[in-house]
Amino acid sequence: GGGCGLVACSDVVVAEPQAQFGFSEVKLGIVPAV
């Protein structure tokens, strides 16, 4: 969700192989608008 927003705002992103991502808002009936 918003954690993905932080990632999207960063210039360089390094992640561990086990990291999990998701724009999960629709699972709550909302949208990742902001």
PDB file of all heavy atoms in Angstrom:
ATOM      1  N   GLY A   1       0.817  -1.199   0.000  1.00  0.00           N
ATOM      2  CA  GLY A   1       0.000   0.000   0.000  1.00  0.00           C
ATOM      3  C   GLY A   1       0.853   1.252   0.000  1.00  0.00           C
ATOM      4  O   GLY A   1       1.657   1.493  -0.902  1.00  0.00           O
ATOM      5  N   GLY A   2       0.703   2.050   1.051  1.00  0.00           N
ATOM      6  CA  GLY A   2       1.500   3.262   1.168  1.00  0.00           C
ATOM      7  C   GLY A   2       2.984   2.993   1.233  1.00  0.00           C
ATOM      8  O   GLY A   2       3.794   3.854   0.863  1.00  0.00           O
ATOM      9  N   GLY A   3       3.367   1.799   1.701  1.00  0.00           N
ATOM     10  CA  GLY A   3       4.775   1.421   1.690  1.00  0.00           C
ATOM     11  C   GLY A   3       5.313   1.351   0.272  1.00  0.00           C
ATOM     12  O   GLY A   3       6.468   1.727   0.008  1.00  0.00           O
ATOM     13  N   CYS A   4       4.479   0.890  -0.651  1.00  0.00           N
ATOM     14  CA  CYS A   4       4.850   0.915  -2.074  1.00  0.00           C
ATOM     15  C   CYS A   4       4.948   2.353  -2.570  1.00  0.00           C
ATOM     16  O   CYS A   4       5.746   2.657  -3.463  1.00  0.00           O
ATOM     17  CB  CYS A   4       3.818   0.153  -2.906  1.00  0.00           C
ATOM     18  SG  CYS A   4       4.292  -1.537  -3.290  1.00  0.00           S
ATOM     19  N   GLY A   5       4.135   3.237  -1.992  1.00  0.00           N
ATOM     20  CA  GLY A   5       4.225   4.647  -2.349  1.00  0.00           C
ATOM     21  C   GLY A   5       5.568   5.227  -1.969  1.00  0.00           C
ATOM     22  O   GLY A   5       6.160   5.983  -2.737  1.00  0.00           O
ATOM     23  N   LEU A   6       6.085   4.856  -0.793  1.00  0.00           N
ATOM     24  CA  LEU A   6       7.414   5.306  -0.384  1.00  0.00           C
ATOM     25  C   LEU A   6       8.472   4.815  -1.357  1.00  0.00           C
ATOM     26  O   LEU A   6       9.397   5.548  -1.721  1.00  0.00           O
ATOM     27  CB  LEU A   6       7.741   4.786   1.020  1.00  0.00           C
ATOM     28  CG  LEU A   6       6.958   5.362   2.191  1.00  0.00           C
ATOM     29  CD1 LEU A   6       7.406   4.687   3.485  1.00  0.00           C
ATOM     30  CD2 LEU A   6       7.137   6.860   2.292  1.00  0.00           C
ATOM     31  N   VAL A   7       8.343   3.565  -1.772  1.00  0.00           N
ATOM     32  CA  VAL A   7       9.283   2.984  -2.732  1.00  0.00           C
ATOM     33  C   VAL A   7       9.228   3.751  -4.048  1.00  0.00           C
ATOM     34  O   VAL A   7      10.258   4.080  -4.644  1.00  0.00           O
ATOM     35  CB  VAL A   7       8.955   1.494  -2.958  1.00  0.00           C
ATOM     36  CG1 VAL A   7       9.749   0.928  -4.123  1.00  0.00           C
ATOM     37  CG2 VAL A   7       9.249   0.691  -1.686  1.00  0.00           C
ATOM     38  N   ALA A   8       8.020   4.058  -4.495  1.00  0.00           N
ATOM     39  CA  ALA A   8       7.848   4.752  -5.774  1.00  0.00           C
ATOM     40  C   ALA A   8       8.426   6.164  -5.735  1.00  0.00           C
ATOM     41  O   ALA A   8       8.857   6.690  -6.768  1.00  0.00           O
ATOM     42  CB  ALA A   8       6.372   4.801  -6.153  1.00  0.00           C
ATOM     43  N   CYS A   9       8.466   6.785  -4.560  1.00  0.00           N
ATOM     44  CA  CYS A   9       8.988   8.154  -4.430  1.00  0.00           C
ATOM     45  C   CYS A   9      10.506   8.201  -4.332  1.00  0.00           C
ATOM     46  O   CYS A   9      11.089   9.294  -4.422  1.00  0.00           O
ATOM     47  CB  CYS A   9       8.400   8.816  -3.186  1.00  0.00           C
ATOM     48  SG  CYS A   9       6.666   9.225  -3.340  1.00  0.00           S
ATOM     49  N   SER A  10      11.142   7.062  -4.112  1.00  0.00           N
ATOM     50  CA  SER A  10      12.587   7.035  -3.901  1.00  0.00           C
ATOM     51  C   SER A  10      13.324   6.959  -5.230  1.00  0.00           C
ATOM     52  O   SER A  10      12.837   6.367  -6.196  1.00  0.00           O
ATOM     53  CB  SER A  10      12.960   5.845  -3.016  1.00  0.00           C
ATOM     54  OG  SER A  10      12.333   5.940  -1.751  1.00  0.00           O
ATOM     55  N   ASP A  11      14.512   7.528  -5.264  1.00  0.00           N
ATOM     56  CA  ASP A  11      15.288   7.576  -6.508  1.00  0.00           C
ATOM     57  C   ASP A  11      15.982   6.263  -6.817  1.00  0.00           C
ATOM     58  O   ASP A  11      16.092   5.871  -7.980  1.00  0.00           O
ATOM     59  CB  ASP A  11      16.333   8.694  -6.416  1.00  0.00           C
ATOM     60  CG  ASP A  11      15.684  10.041  -6.200  1.00  0.00           C
ATOM     61  OD1 ASP A  11      14.910  10.460  -7.083  1.00  0.00           O
ATOM     62  OD2 ASP A  11      15.924  10.668  -5.155  1.00  0.00           O
ATOM     63  N   VAL A  12      16.493   5.605  -5.787  1.00  0.00           N
ATOM     64  CA  VAL A  12      17.161   4.315  -5.955  1.00  0.00           C
ATOM     65  C   VAL A  12      16.585   3.375  -4.911  1.00  0.00           C
ATOM     66  O   VAL A  12      16.537   3.713  -3.723  1.00  0.00           O
ATOM     67  CB  VAL A  12      18.690   4.424  -5.767  1.00  0.00           C
ATOM     68  CG1 VAL A  12      19.358   3.075  -6.037  1.00  0.00           C
ATOM     69  CG2 VAL A  12      19.285   5.505  -6.670  1.00  0.00           C
ATOM     70  N   VAL A  13      16.155   2.187  -5.344  1.00  0.00           N
ATOM     71  CA  VAL A  13      15.537   1.232  -4.419  1.00  0.00           C
ATOM     72  C   VAL A  13      16.266  -0.092  -4.491  1.00  0.00           C
ATOM     73  O   VAL A  13      16.391  -0.689  -5.564  1.00  0.00           O
ATOM     74  CB  VAL A  13      14.047   1.028  -4.746  1.00  0.00           C
ATOM     75  CG1 VAL A  13      13.404   0.113  -3.698  1.00  0.00           C
ATOM     76  CG2 VAL A  13      13.307   2.351  -4.831  1.00  0.00           C
ATOM     77  N   VAL A  14      16.739  -0.539  -3.324  1.00  0.00           N
ATOM     78  CA  VAL A  14      17.409  -1.841  -3.208  1.00  0.00           C
ATOM     79  C   VAL A  14      16.569  -2.697  -2.275  1.00  0.00           C
ATOM     80  O   VAL A  14      16.201  -2.259  -1.179  1.00  0.00           O
ATOM     81  CB  VAL A  14      18.838  -1.672  -2.645  1.00  0.00           C
ATOM     82  CG1 VAL A  14      19.534  -3.031  -2.589  1.00  0.00           C
ATOM     83  CG2 VAL A  14      19.642  -0.699  -3.490  1.00  0.00           C
ATOM     84  N   ALA A  15      16.258  -3.915  -2.706  1.00  0.00           N
ATOM     85  CA  ALA A  15      15.402  -4.791  -1.902  1.00  0.00           C
ATOM     86  C   ALA A  15      16.040  -6.162  -1.723  1.00  0.00           C
ATOM     87  O   ALA A  15      16.799  -6.618  -2.581  1.00  0.00           O
ATOM     88  CB  ALA A  15      14.033  -4.947  -2.568  1.00  0.00           C
ATOM     89  N   GLU A  16      15.710  -6.810  -0.616  1.00  0.00           N
ATOM     90  CA  GLU A  16      16.170  -8.172  -0.402  1.00  0.00           C
ATOM     91  C   GLU A  16      15.333  -9.117  -1.269  1.00  0.00           C
ATOM     92  O   GLU A  16      14.200  -8.792  -1.653  1.00  0.00           O
ATOM     93  CB  GLU A  16      16.044  -8.554   1.069  1.00  0.00           C
ATOM     94  CG  GLU A  16      14.617  -8.657   1.567  1.00  0.00           C
ATOM     95  CD  GLU A  16      14.527  -9.153   3.003  1.00  0.00           C
ATOM     96  OE1 GLU A  16      15.582  -9.305   3.652  1.00  0.00           O
ATOM     97  OE2 GLU A  16      13.396  -9.399   3.467  1.00  0.00           O
ATOM     98  N   PRO A  17      15.865 -10.300  -1.602  1.00  0.00           N
ATOM     99  CA  PRO A  17      15.132 -11.229  -2.470  1.00  0.00           C
ATOM    100  C   PRO A  17      13.770 -11.650  -1.914  1.00  0.00           C
ATOM    101  O   PRO A  17      12.846 -11.939  -2.677  1.00  0.00           O
ATOM    102  CB  PRO A  17      16.080 -12.433  -2.574  1.00  0.00           C
ATOM    103  CG  PRO A  17      17.440 -11.878  -2.296  1.00  0.00           C
ATOM    104  CD  PRO A  17      17.223 -10.790  -1.294  1.00  0.00           C
ATOM    105  N   GLN A  18      13.625 -11.676  -0.591  1.00  0.00           N
ATOM    106  CA  GLN A  18      12.376 -12.132   0.027  1.00  0.00           C
ATOM    107  C   GLN A  18      11.326 -11.035   0.158  1.00  0.00           C
ATOM    108  O   GLN A  18      10.210 -11.290   0.634  1.00  0.00           O
ATOM    109  CB  GLN A  18      12.665 -12.697   1.426  1.00  0.00           C
ATOM    110  CG  GLN A  18      13.581 -13.910   1.451  1.00  0.00           C
ATOM    111  CD  GLN A  18      15.051 -13.543   1.319  1.00  0.00           C
ATOM    112  OE1 GLN A  18      15.449 -12.405   1.611  1.00  0.00           O
ATOM    113  NE2 GLN A  18      15.870 -14.481   0.868  1.00  0.00           N
ATOM    114  N   ALA A  19      11.655  -9.814  -0.246  1.00  0.00           N
ATOM    115  CA  ALA A  19      10.723  -8.695  -0.079  1.00  0.00           C
ATOM    116  C   ALA A  19       9.433  -8.939  -0.855  1.00  0.00           C
ATOM    117  O   ALA A  19       9.438  -9.528  -1.938  1.00  0.00           O
ATOM    118  CB  ALA A  19      11.371  -7.398  -0.536  1.00  0.00           C
ATOM    119  N   GLN A  20       8.326  -8.476  -0.291  1.00  0.00           N
ATOM    120  CA  GLN A  20       7.009  -8.599  -0.903  1.00  0.00           C
ATOM    121  C   GLN A  20       6.396  -7.216  -1.084  1.00  0.00           C
ATOM    122  O   GLN A  20       6.464  -6.367  -0.185  1.00  0.00           O
ATOM    123  CB  GLN A  20       6.090  -9.443  -0.020  1.00  0.00           C
ATOM    124  CG  GLN A  20       6.481 -10.911   0.072  1.00  0.00           C
ATOM    125  CD  GLN A  20       6.120 -11.665  -1.195  1.00  0.00           C
ATOM    126  OE1 GLN A  20       4.970 -11.620  -1.649  1.00  0.00           O
ATOM    127  NE2 GLN A  20       7.084 -12.367  -1.762  1.00  0.00           N
ATOM    128  N   PHE A  21       5.794  -7.003  -2.244  1.00  0.00           N
ATOM    129  CA  PHE A  21       5.209  -5.714  -2.587  1.00  0.00           C
ATOM    130  C   PHE A  21       3.742  -5.902  -2.935  1.00  0.00           C
ATOM    131  O   PHE A  21       3.306  -7.002  -3.269  1.00  0.00           O
ATOM    132  CB  PHE A  21       5.946  -5.107  -3.783  1.00  0.00           C
ATOM    133  CG  PHE A  21       7.422  -4.917  -3.554  1.00  0.00           C
ATOM    134  CD1 PHE A  21       8.313  -5.974  -3.755  1.00  0.00           C
ATOM    135  CD2 PHE A  21       7.924  -3.694  -3.141  1.00  0.00           C
ATOM    136  CE1 PHE A  21       9.676  -5.812  -3.534  1.00  0.00           C
ATOM    137  CE2 PHE A  21       9.278  -3.522  -2.918  1.00  0.00           C
ATOM    138  CZ  PHE A  21      10.160  -4.583  -3.110  1.00  0.00           C
ATOM    139  N   GLY A  22       2.969  -4.819  -2.899  1.00  0.00           N
ATOM    140  CA  GLY A  22       1.580  -4.911  -3.314  1.00  0.00           C
ATOM    141  C   GLY A  22       0.851  -3.592  -3.170  1.00  0.00           C
ATOM    142  O   GLY A  22       1.033  -2.884  -2.176  1.00  0.00           O
ATOM    143  N   PHE A  23       0.058  -3.260  -4.186  1.00  0.00           N
ATOM    144  CA  PHE A  23      -0.862  -2.124  -4.104  1.00  0.00           C
ATOM    145  C   PHE A  23      -2.184  -2.716  -3.635  1.00  0.00           C
ATOM    146  O   PHE A  23      -3.102  -2.983  -4.425  1.00  0.00           O
ATOM    147  CB  PHE A  23      -0.994  -1.451  -5.474  1.00  0.00           C
ATOM    148  CG  PHE A  23       0.321  -0.923  -5.996  1.00  0.00           C
ATOM    149  CD1 PHE A  23       1.075  -1.668  -6.900  1.00  0.00           C
ATOM    150  CD2 PHE A  23       0.811   0.299  -5.563  1.00  0.00           C
ATOM    151  CE1 PHE A  23       2.298  -1.185  -7.371  1.00  0.00           C
ATOM    152  CE2 PHE A  23       2.021   0.789  -6.032  1.00  0.00           C
ATOM    153  CZ  PHE A  23       2.774   0.042  -6.927  1.00  0.00           C
ATOM    154  N   SER A  24      -2.266  -2.936  -2.341  1.00  0.00           N
ATOM    155  CA  SER A  24      -3.295  -3.806  -1.772  1.00  0.00           C
ATOM    156  C   SER A  24      -4.609  -3.111  -1.453  1.00  0.00           C
ATOM    157  O   SER A  24      -5.516  -3.725  -0.888  1.00  0.00           O
ATOM    158  CB  SER A  24      -2.745  -4.459  -0.502  1.00  0.00           C
ATOM    159  OG  SER A  24      -2.172  -3.485   0.364  1.00  0.00           O
ATOM    160  N   GLU A  25      -4.743  -1.844  -1.817  1.00  0.00           N
ATOM    161  CA  GLU A  25      -5.911  -1.072  -1.406  1.00  0.00           C
ATOM    162  C   GLU A  25      -7.239  -1.683  -1.843  1.00  0.00           C
ATOM    163  O   GLU A  25      -8.223  -1.659  -1.088  1.00  0.00           O
ATOM    164  CB  GLU A  25      -5.801   0.367  -1.945  1.00  0.00           C
ATOM    165  CG  GLU A  25      -4.787   1.238  -1.214  1.00  0.00           C
ATOM    166  CD  GLU A  25      -3.357   1.051  -1.703  1.00  0.00           C
ATOM    167  OE1 GLU A  25      -3.121   0.155  -2.543  1.00  0.00           O
ATOM    168  OE2 GLU A  25      -2.483   1.797  -1.242  1.00  0.00           O
ATOM    169  N   VAL A  26      -7.311  -2.241  -3.067  1.00  0.00           N
ATOM    170  CA  VAL A  26      -8.594  -2.769  -3.538  1.00  0.00           C
ATOM    171  C   VAL A  26      -9.091  -3.925  -2.686  1.00  0.00           C
ATOM    172  O   VAL A  26     -10.295  -4.209  -2.662  1.00  0.00           O
ATOM    173  CB  VAL A  26      -8.515  -3.219  -5.019  1.00  0.00           C
ATOM    174  CG1 VAL A  26      -8.358  -2.016  -5.925  1.00  0.00           C
ATOM    175  CG2 VAL A  26      -7.418  -4.238  -5.255  1.00  0.00           C
ATOM    176  N   LYS A  27      -8.212  -4.594  -1.978  1.00  0.00           N
ATOM    177  CA  LYS A  27      -8.631  -5.683  -1.085  1.00  0.00           C
ATOM    178  C   LYS A  27      -9.473  -5.143   0.068  1.00  0.00           C
ATOM    179  O   LYS A  27     -10.178  -5.900   0.732  1.00  0.00           O
ATOM    180  CB  LYS A  27      -7.411  -6.421  -0.529  1.00  0.00           C
ATOM    181  CG  LYS A  27      -6.505  -7.037  -1.582  1.00  0.00           C
ATOM    182  CD  LYS A  27      -7.187  -8.135  -2.364  1.00  0.00           C
ATOM    183  CE  LYS A  27      -6.189  -8.850  -3.273  1.00  0.00           C
ATOM    184  NZ  LYS A  27      -6.829  -9.887  -4.121  1.00  0.00           N
ATOM    185  N   LEU A  28      -9.367  -3.820   0.311  1.00  0.00           N
ATOM    186  CA  LEU A  28     -10.148  -3.172   1.377  1.00  0.00           C
ATOM    187  C   LEU A  28     -11.304  -2.359   0.804  1.00  0.00           C
ATOM    188  O   LEU A  28     -11.954  -1.597   1.528  1.00  0.00           O
ATOM    189  CB  LEU A  28      -9.236  -2.256   2.200  1.00  0.00           C
ATOM    190  CG  LEU A  28      -7.998  -2.917   2.820  1.00  0.00           C
ATOM    191  CD1 LEU A  28      -7.140  -1.878   3.510  1.00  0.00           C
ATOM    192  CD2 LEU A  28      -8.401  -4.016   3.787  1.00  0.00           C
ATOM    193  N   GLY A  29     -11.503  -2.469  -0.518  1.00  0.00           N
ATOM    194  CA  GLY A  29     -12.583  -1.721  -1.141  1.00  0.00           C
ATOM    195  C   GLY A  29     -12.249  -0.274  -1.426  1.00  0.00           C
ATOM    196  O   GLY A  29     -13.149   0.547  -1.669  1.00  0.00           O
ATOM    197  N   ILE A  30     -10.959   0.062  -1.397  1.00  0.00           N
ATOM    198  CA  ILE A  30     -10.542   1.422  -1.712  1.00  0.00           C
ATOM    199  C   ILE A  30      -9.536   1.367  -2.869  1.00  0.00           C
ATOM    200  O   ILE A  30      -9.366   0.310  -3.483  1.00  0.00           O
ATOM    201  CB  ILE A  30      -9.958   2.153  -0.480  1.00  0.00           C
ATOM    202  CG1 ILE A  30      -8.795   1.347   0.129  1.00  0.00           C
ATOM    203  CG2 ILE A  30     -11.052   2.364   0.569  1.00  0.00           C
ATOM    204  CD1 ILE A  30      -8.146   2.017   1.322  1.00  0.00           C
ATOM    205  N   VAL A  31      -8.895   2.467  -3.195  1.00  0.00           N
ATOM    206  CA  VAL A  31      -7.979   2.497  -4.333  1.00  0.00           C
ATOM    207  C   VAL A  31      -6.681   3.218  -3.949  1.00  0.00           C
ATOM    208  O   VAL A  31      -6.678   4.062  -3.048  1.00  0.00           O
ATOM    209  CB  VAL A  31      -8.609   3.196  -5.561  1.00  0.00           C
ATOM    210  CG1 VAL A  31      -9.751   2.374  -6.119  1.00  0.00           C
ATOM    211  CG2 VAL A  31      -9.076   4.605  -5.206  1.00  0.00           C
ATOM    212  N   PRO A  32      -5.561   2.934  -4.655  1.00  0.00           N
ATOM    213  CA  PRO A  32      -4.285   3.595  -4.356  1.00  0.00           C
ATOM    214  C   PRO A  32      -4.183   4.964  -5.008  1.00  0.00           C
ATOM    215  O   PRO A  32      -3.226   5.264  -5.732  1.00  0.00           O
ATOM    216  CB  PRO A  32      -3.253   2.613  -4.925  1.00  0.00           C
ATOM    217  CG  PRO A  32      -3.952   1.978  -6.082  1.00  0.00           C
ATOM    218  CD  PRO A  32      -5.395   1.859  -5.657  1.00  0.00           C
ATOM    219  N   ALA A  33      -5.184   5.801  -4.763  1.00  0.00           N
ATOM    220  CA  ALA A  33      -5.291   7.077  -5.477  1.00  0.00           C
ATOM    221  C   ALA A  33      -4.142   8.025  -5.163  1.00  0.00           C
ATOM    222  O   ALA A  33      -3.533   8.600  -6.069  1.00  0.00           O
ATOM    223  CB  ALA A  33      -6.629   7.745  -5.149  1.00  0.00           C
ATOM    224  N   VAL A  34      -3.824   8.207  -3.880  1.00  0.00           N
ATOM    225  CA  VAL A  34      -2.831   9.221  -3.505  1.00  0.00           C
ATOM    226  C   VAL A  34      -1.439   8.841  -4.002  1.00  0.00           C
ATOM    227  O   VAL A  34      -0.672   9.696  -4.440  1.00  0.00           O
ATOM    228  CB  VAL A  34      -2.836   9.442  -1.977  1.00  0.00           C
ATOM    229  CG1 VAL A  34      -1.801  10.490  -1.584  1.00  0.00           C
ATOM    230  CG2 VAL A  34      -4.220   9.877  -1.506  1.00  0.00           C
TER     231      VAL A  34
END
